[in-house]
Amino acid sequence: MTKEKINIEGLLEELEAIIEKMEDDNLNIEQSLSSYERGIGLVKEAQKKLTEIEKKVQILSKDDQLENFDPDD
């Protein structure tokens, strides 16, 4: 997957595949660590992308005088 084609859905799909692999396969310790490290990297990348999206939504909402979305409401 190239950098240009990475999106949140792609990140989550790859993360899900890693989780399934770690749950289903008998991985050795090195493979488990490698998969874990990749998974942590994917989580961080997804969080970064979600933060960017949230900022864009807030900017767009501010321009249109809409209220920020609060998932706790």
PDB file of N, CA and C in Angstrom:
ATOM      1  N   MET A   1       0.848  -1.171   0.000  1.00  0.00           N
ATOM      2  CA  MET A   1       0.000   0.000   0.000  1.00  0.00           C
ATOM      3  C   MET A   1       0.896   1.237   0.000  1.00  0.00           C
ATOM      4  N   THR A   2       0.725   2.109  -0.987  1.00  0.00           N
ATOM      5  CA  THR A   2       1.549   3.302  -1.056  1.00  0.00           C
ATOM      6  C   THR A   2       0.991   4.375  -0.139  1.00  0.00           C
ATOM      7  N   LYS A   3       1.826   5.326   0.205  1.00  0.00           N
ATOM      8  CA  LYS A   3       1.415   6.412   1.112  1.00  0.00           C
ATOM      9  C   LYS A   3       0.203   7.158   0.576  1.00  0.00           C
ATOM     10  N   GLU A   4       0.139   7.383  -0.737  1.00  0.00           N
ATOM     11  CA  GLU A   4      -0.949   8.146  -1.309  1.00  0.00           C
ATOM     12  C   GLU A   4      -2.287   7.416  -1.183  1.00  0.00           C
ATOM     13  N   LYS A   5      -2.253   6.106  -1.158  1.00  0.00           N
ATOM     14  CA  LYS A   5      -3.481   5.331  -1.161  1.00  0.00           C
ATOM     15  C   LYS A   5      -3.945   4.945   0.241  1.00  0.00           C
ATOM     16  N   ILE A   6      -3.178   5.309   1.255  1.00  0.00           N
ATOM     17  CA  ILE A   6      -3.560   4.955   2.615  1.00  0.00           C
ATOM     18  C   ILE A   6      -4.691   5.869   3.067  1.00  0.00           C
ATOM     19  N   ASN A   7      -5.779   5.252   3.513  1.00  0.00           N
ATOM     20  CA  ASN A   7      -6.879   5.992   4.101  1.00  0.00           C
ATOM     21  C   ASN A   7      -7.286   5.284   5.393  1.00  0.00           C
ATOM     22  N   ILE A   8      -8.178   5.856   6.109  1.00  0.00           N
ATOM     23  CA  ILE A   8      -8.564   5.278   7.395  1.00  0.00           C
ATOM     24  C   ILE A   8      -9.120   3.871   7.223  1.00  0.00           C
ATOM     25  N   GLU A   9      -9.950   3.672   6.214  1.00  0.00           N
ATOM     26  CA  GLU A   9     -10.515   2.349   5.988  1.00  0.00           C
ATOM     27  C   GLU A   9      -9.422   1.326   5.716  1.00  0.00           C
ATOM     28  N   GLY A  10      -8.437   1.716   4.915  1.00  0.00           N
ATOM     29  CA  GLY A  10      -7.318   0.826   4.617  1.00  0.00           C
ATOM     30  C   GLY A  10      -6.507   0.497   5.858  1.00  0.00           C
ATOM     31  N   LEU A  11      -6.289   1.506   6.688  1.00  0.00           N
ATOM     32  CA  LEU A  11      -5.556   1.291   7.939  1.00  0.00           C
ATOM     33  C   LEU A  11      -6.304   0.306   8.841  1.00  0.00           C
ATOM     34  N   LEU A  12      -7.604   0.502   8.948  1.00  0.00           N
ATOM     35  CA  LEU A  12      -8.402  -0.372   9.808  1.00  0.00           C
ATOM     36  C   LEU A  12      -8.467  -1.798   9.266  1.00  0.00           C
ATOM     37  N   GLU A  13      -8.531  -1.924   7.950  1.00  0.00           N
ATOM     38  CA  GLU A  13      -8.536  -3.262   7.348  1.00  0.00           C
ATOM     39  C   GLU A  13      -7.224  -3.990   7.640  1.00  0.00           C
ATOM     40  N   GLU A  14      -6.121  -3.279   7.491  1.00  0.00           N
ATOM     41  CA  GLU A  14      -4.820  -3.900   7.763  1.00  0.00           C
ATOM     42  C   GLU A  14      -4.683  -4.241   9.245  1.00  0.00           C
ATOM     43  N   LEU A  15      -5.163  -3.359  10.099  1.00  0.00           N
ATOM     44  CA  LEU A  15      -5.118  -3.617  11.536  1.00  0.00           C
ATOM     45  C   LEU A  15      -5.953  -4.842  11.898  1.00  0.00           C
ATOM     46  N   GLU A  16      -7.119  -4.961  11.297  1.00  0.00           N
ATOM     47  CA  GLU A  16      -7.976  -6.127  11.528  1.00  0.00           C
ATOM     48  C   GLU A  16      -7.287  -7.407  11.081  1.00  0.00           C
ATOM     49  N   ALA A  17      -6.611  -7.350   9.940  1.00  0.00           N
ATOM     50  CA  ALA A  17      -5.886  -8.527   9.447  1.00  0.00           C
ATOM     51  C   ALA A  17      -4.771  -8.923  10.420  1.00  0.00           C
ATOM     52  N   ILE A  18      -4.091  -7.942  10.968  1.00  0.00           N
ATOM     53  CA  ILE A  18      -3.030  -8.230  11.944  1.00  0.00           C
ATOM     54  C   ILE A  18      -3.619  -8.871  13.193  1.00  0.00           C
ATOM     55  N   ILE A  19      -4.726  -8.342  13.658  1.00  0.00           N
ATOM     56  CA  ILE A  19      -5.376  -8.900  14.851  1.00  0.00           C
ATOM     57  C   ILE A  19      -5.781 -10.345  14.611  1.00  0.00           C
ATOM     58  N   GLU A  20      -6.407 -10.595  13.462  1.00  0.00           N
ATOM     59  CA  GLU A  20      -6.832 -11.959  13.144  1.00  0.00           C
ATOM     60  C   GLU A  20      -5.627 -12.899  13.060  1.00  0.00           C
ATOM     61  N   LYS A  21      -4.564 -12.435  12.441  1.00  0.00           N
ATOM     62  CA  LYS A  21      -3.347 -13.238  12.308  1.00  0.00           C
ATOM     63  C   LYS A  21      -2.766 -13.579  13.678  1.00  0.00           C
ATOM     64  N   MET A  22      -2.748 -12.588  14.554  1.00  0.00           N
ATOM     65  CA  MET A  22      -2.197 -12.814  15.890  1.00  0.00           C
ATOM     66  C   MET A  22      -3.091 -13.734  16.723  1.00  0.00           C
ATOM     67  N   GLU A  23      -4.394 -13.669  16.502  1.00  0.00           N
ATOM     68  CA  GLU A  23      -5.325 -14.518  17.243  1.00  0.00           C
ATOM     69  C   GLU A  23      -5.354 -15.950  16.710  1.00  0.00           C
ATOM     70  N   ASP A  24      -5.245 -16.117  15.399  1.00  0.00           N
ATOM     71  CA  ASP A  24      -5.438 -17.420  14.774  1.00  0.00           C
ATOM     72  C   ASP A  24      -4.163 -18.226  14.570  1.00  0.00           C
ATOM     73  N   ASP A  25      -3.067 -17.559  14.257  1.00  0.00           N
ATOM     74  CA  ASP A  25      -1.844 -18.272  13.923  1.00  0.00           C
ATOM     75  C   ASP A  25      -0.979 -18.512  15.151  1.00  0.00           C
ATOM     76  N   ASN A  26      -0.141 -19.507  15.029  1.00  0.00           N
ATOM     77  CA  ASN A  26       0.869 -19.752  16.041  1.00  0.00           C
ATOM     78  C   ASN A  26       2.141 -19.038  15.612  1.00  0.00           C
ATOM     79  N   LEU A  27       2.220 -17.772  15.961  1.00  0.00           N
ATOM     80  CA  LEU A  27       3.370 -16.971  15.580  1.00  0.00           C
ATOM     81  C   LEU A  27       4.479 -17.144  16.609  1.00  0.00           C
ATOM     82  N   ASN A  28       5.710 -17.098  16.135  1.00  0.00           N
ATOM     83  CA  ASN A  28       6.804 -17.114  17.095  1.00  0.00           C
ATOM     84  C   ASN A  28       6.917 -15.725  17.706  1.00  0.00           C
ATOM     85  N   ILE A  29       7.777 -15.584  18.686  1.00  0.00           N
ATOM     86  CA  ILE A  29       7.863 -14.327  19.418  1.00  0.00           C
ATOM     87  C   ILE A  29       8.289 -13.164  18.530  1.00  0.00           C
ATOM     88  N   GLU A  30       9.197 -13.399  17.596  1.00  0.00           N
ATOM     89  CA  GLU A  30       9.641 -12.338  16.700  1.00  0.00           C
ATOM     90  C   GLU A  30       8.514 -11.887  15.772  1.00  0.00           C
ATOM     91  N   GLN A  31       7.753 -12.840  15.262  1.00  0.00           N
ATOM     92  CA  GLN A  31       6.632 -12.508  14.385  1.00  0.00           C
ATOM     93  C   GLN A  31       5.540 -11.768  15.162  1.00  0.00           C
ATOM     94  N   SER A  32       5.299 -12.208  16.384  1.00  0.00           N
ATOM     95  CA  SER A  32       4.308 -11.535  17.216  1.00  0.00           C
ATOM     96  C   SER A  32       4.713 -10.103  17.501  1.00  0.00           C
ATOM     97  N   LEU A  33       5.974  -9.894  17.838  1.00  0.00           N
ATOM     98  CA  LEU A  33       6.463  -8.547  18.117  1.00  0.00           C
ATOM     99  C   LEU A  33       6.386  -7.672  16.879  1.00  0.00           C
ATOM    100  N   SER A  34       6.767  -8.210  15.747  1.00  0.00           N
ATOM    101  CA  SER A  34       6.705  -7.461  14.494  1.00  0.00           C
ATOM    102  C   SER A  34       5.264  -7.060  14.170  1.00  0.00           C
ATOM    103  N   SER A  35       4.342  -7.996  14.331  1.00  0.00           N
ATOM    104  CA  SER A  35       2.928  -7.706  14.081  1.00  0.00           C
ATOM    105  C   SER A  35       2.403  -6.654  15.058  1.00  0.00           C
ATOM    106  N   TYR A  36       2.803  -6.770  16.308  1.00  0.00           N
ATOM    107  CA  TYR A  36       2.389  -5.813  17.327  1.00  0.00           C
ATOM    108  C   TYR A  36       2.909  -4.412  16.983  1.00  0.00           C
ATOM    109  N   GLU A  37       4.179  -4.326  16.621  1.00  0.00           N
ATOM    110  CA  GLU A  37       4.769  -3.037  16.261  1.00  0.00           C
ATOM    111  C   GLU A  37       4.048  -2.418  15.071  1.00  0.00           C
ATOM    112  N   ARG A  38       3.742  -3.218  14.068  1.00  0.00           N
ATOM    113  CA  ARG A  38       3.021  -2.724  12.893  1.00  0.00           C
ATOM    114  C   ARG A  38       1.631  -2.246  13.301  1.00  0.00           C
ATOM    115  N   GLY A  39       0.978  -3.008  14.157  1.00  0.00           N
ATOM    116  CA  GLY A  39      -0.358  -2.622  14.619  1.00  0.00           C
ATOM    117  C   GLY A  39      -0.347  -1.302  15.364  1.00  0.00           C
ATOM    118  N   ILE A  40       0.637  -1.103  16.230  1.00  0.00           N
ATOM    119  CA  ILE A  40       0.747   0.161  16.961  1.00  0.00           C
ATOM    120  C   ILE A  40       0.968   1.314  15.984  1.00  0.00           C
ATOM    121  N   GLY A  41       1.799   1.085  14.978  1.00  0.00           N
ATOM    122  CA  GLY A  41       2.025   2.113  13.964  1.00  0.00           C
ATOM    123  C   GLY A  41       0.744   2.467  13.215  1.00  0.00           C
ATOM    124  N   LEU A  42      -0.059   1.454  12.900  1.00  0.00           N
ATOM    125  CA  LEU A  42      -1.328   1.690  12.208  1.00  0.00           C
ATOM    126  C   LEU A  42      -2.299   2.468  13.081  1.00  0.00           C
ATOM    127  N   VAL A  43      -2.353   2.137  14.355  1.00  0.00           N
ATOM    128  CA  VAL A  43      -3.237   2.848  15.275  1.00  0.00           C
ATOM    129  C   VAL A  43      -2.832   4.326  15.354  1.00  0.00           C
ATOM    130  N   LYS A  44      -1.546   4.586  15.471  1.00  0.00           N
ATOM    131  CA  LYS A  44      -1.071   5.973  15.536  1.00  0.00           C
ATOM    132  C   LYS A  44      -1.394   6.728  14.253  1.00  0.00           C
ATOM    133  N   GLU A  45      -1.211   6.088  13.123  1.00  0.00           N
ATOM    134  CA  GLU A  45      -1.515   6.720  11.833  1.00  0.00           C
ATOM    135  C   GLU A  45      -3.013   7.009  11.713  1.00  0.00           C
ATOM    136  N   ALA A  46      -3.858   6.071  12.131  1.00  0.00           N
ATOM    137  CA  ALA A  46      -5.304   6.281  12.084  1.00  0.00           C
ATOM    138  C   ALA A  46      -5.711   7.425  13.014  1.00  0.00           C
ATOM    139  N   GLN A  47      -5.124   7.482  14.200  1.00  0.00           N
ATOM    140  CA  GLN A  47      -5.431   8.573  15.131  1.00  0.00           C
ATOM    141  C   GLN A  47      -5.045   9.920  14.526  1.00  0.00           C
ATOM    142  N   LYS A  48      -3.895   9.969  13.867  1.00  0.00           N
ATOM    143  CA  LYS A  48      -3.428  11.201  13.226  1.00  0.00           C
ATOM    144  C   LYS A  48      -4.413  11.635  12.145  1.00  0.00           C
ATOM    145  N   LYS A  49      -4.835  10.694  11.315  1.00  0.00           N
ATOM    146  CA  LYS A  49      -5.766  11.017  10.236  1.00  0.00           C
ATOM    147  C   LYS A  49      -7.121  11.463  10.788  1.00  0.00           C
ATOM    148  N   LEU A  50      -7.593  10.807  11.850  1.00  0.00           N
ATOM    149  CA  LEU A  50      -8.866  11.196  12.461  1.00  0.00           C
ATOM    150  C   LEU A  50      -8.783  12.596  13.065  1.00  0.00           C
ATOM    151  N   THR A  51      -7.659  12.926  13.660  1.00  0.00           N
ATOM    152  CA  THR A  51      -7.464  14.269  14.212  1.00  0.00           C
ATOM    153  C   THR A  51      -7.501  15.306  13.105  1.00  0.00           C
ATOM    154  N   GLU A  52      -6.853  15.013  11.973  1.00  0.00           N
ATOM    155  CA  GLU A  52      -6.870  15.932  10.834  1.00  0.00           C
ATOM    156  C   GLU A  52      -8.295  16.137  10.322  1.00  0.00           C
ATOM    157  N   ILE A  53      -9.041  15.050  10.235  1.00  0.00           N
ATOM    158  CA  ILE A  53     -10.429  15.135   9.760  1.00  0.00           C
ATOM    159  C   ILE A  53     -11.256  15.960  10.736  1.00  0.00           C
ATOM    160  N   GLU A  54     -11.080  15.724  12.025  1.00  0.00           N
ATOM    161  CA  GLU A  54     -11.824  16.459  13.044  1.00  0.00           C
ATOM    162  C   GLU A  54     -11.539  17.963  12.945  1.00  0.00           C
ATOM    163  N   LYS A  55     -10.279  18.324  12.735  1.00  0.00           N
ATOM    164  CA  LYS A  55      -9.921  19.739  12.596  1.00  0.00           C
ATOM    165  C   LYS A  55     -10.589  20.353  11.373  1.00  0.00           C
ATOM    166  N   LYS A  56     -10.613  19.614  10.275  1.00  0.00           N
ATOM    167  CA  LYS A  56     -11.259  20.124   9.061  1.00  0.00           C
ATOM    168  C   LYS A  56     -12.753  20.333   9.282  1.00  0.00           C
ATOM    169  N   VAL A  57     -13.393  19.389   9.968  1.00  0.00           N
ATOM    170  CA  VAL A  57     -14.829  19.510  10.258  1.00  0.00           C
ATOM    171  C   VAL A  57     -15.085  20.724  11.143  1.00  0.00           C
ATOM    172  N   GLN A  58     -14.222  20.935  12.145  1.00  0.00           N
ATOM    173  CA  GLN A  58     -14.397  22.090  13.025  1.00  0.00           C
ATOM    174  C   GLN A  58     -14.239  23.400  12.259  1.00  0.00           C
ATOM    175  N   ILE A  59     -13.269  23.448  11.347  1.00  0.00           N
ATOM    176  CA  ILE A  59     -13.069  24.656  10.542  1.00  0.00           C
ATOM    177  C   ILE A  59     -14.279  24.903   9.653  1.00  0.00           C
ATOM    178  N   LEU A  60     -14.741  23.856   8.986  1.00  0.00           N
ATOM    179  CA  LEU A  60     -15.901  24.004   8.117  1.00  0.00           C
ATOM    180  C   LEU A  60     -17.139  24.391   8.919  1.00  0.00           C
ATOM    181  N   SER A  61     -17.304  23.798  10.070  1.00  0.00           N
ATOM    182  CA  SER A  61     -18.453  24.101  10.916  1.00  0.00           C
ATOM    183  C   SER A  61     -18.396  25.531  11.426  1.00  0.00           C
ATOM    184  N   LYS A  62     -17.206  26.002  11.767  1.00  0.00           N
ATOM    185  CA  LYS A  62     -17.038  27.372  12.248  1.00  0.00           C
ATOM    186  C   LYS A  62     -17.442  28.362  11.170  1.00  0.00           C
ATOM    187  N   ASP A  63     -17.040  28.121   9.942  1.00  0.00           N
ATOM    188  CA  ASP A  63     -17.377  29.015   8.835  1.00  0.00           C
ATOM    189  C   ASP A  63     -18.880  29.078   8.597  1.00  0.00           C
ATOM    190  N   ASP A  64     -19.564  27.976   8.818  1.00  0.00           N
ATOM    191  CA  ASP A  64     -21.012  27.926   8.589  1.00  0.00           C
ATOM    192  C   ASP A  64     -21.802  28.148   9.864  1.00  0.00           C
ATOM    193  N   GLN A  65     -21.108  28.485  10.941  1.00  0.00           N
ATOM    194  CA  GLN A  65     -21.730  28.761  12.231  1.00  0.00           C
ATOM    195  C   GLN A  65     -22.495  27.563  12.798  1.00  0.00           C
ATOM    196  N   LEU A  66     -22.028  26.355  12.509  1.00  0.00           N
ATOM    197  CA  LEU A  66     -22.625  25.160  13.080  1.00  0.00           C
ATOM    198  C   LEU A  66     -21.921  24.832  14.388  1.00  0.00           C
ATOM    199  N   GLU A  67     -22.606  24.106  15.255  1.00  0.00           N
ATOM    200  CA  GLU A  67     -22.002  23.722  16.516  1.00  0.00           C
ATOM    201  C   GLU A  67     -21.119  22.497  16.322  1.00  0.00           C
ATOM    202  N   ASN A  68     -20.070  22.397  17.145  1.00  0.00           N
ATOM    203  CA  ASN A  68     -19.207  21.222  17.119  1.00  0.00           C
ATOM    204  C   ASN A  68     -19.976  20.000  17.579  1.00  0.00           C
ATOM    205  N   PHE A  69     -19.684  18.881  16.991  1.00  0.00           N
ATOM    206  CA  PHE A  69     -20.299  17.613  17.344  1.00  0.00           C
ATOM    207  C   PHE A  69     -19.719  17.115  18.657  1.00  0.00           C
ATOM    208  N   ASP A  70     -20.585  16.748  19.581  1.00  0.00           N
ATOM    209  CA  ASP A  70     -20.143  16.183  20.859  1.00  0.00           C
ATOM    210  C   ASP A  70     -20.775  14.800  20.980  1.00  0.00           C
ATOM    211  N   PRO A  71     -19.981  13.739  20.884  1.00  0.00           N
ATOM    212  CA  PRO A  71     -20.535  12.383  20.921  1.00  0.00           C
ATOM    213  C   PRO A  71     -21.152  12.021  22.269  1.00  0.00           C
ATOM    214  N   ASP A  72     -20.874  12.812  23.305  1.00  0.00           N
ATOM    215  CA  ASP A  72     -21.430  12.523  24.621  1.00  0.00           C
ATOM    216  C   ASP A  72     -22.823  13.098  24.819  1.00  0.00           C
ATOM    217  N   ASP A  73     -23.276  13.923  23.874  1.00  0.00           N
ATOM    218  CA  ASP A  73     -24.624  14.511  24.001  1.00  0.00           C
ATOM    219  C   ASP A  73     -25.693  13.531  23.631  1.00  0.00           C
TER     220      ASP A  73
END
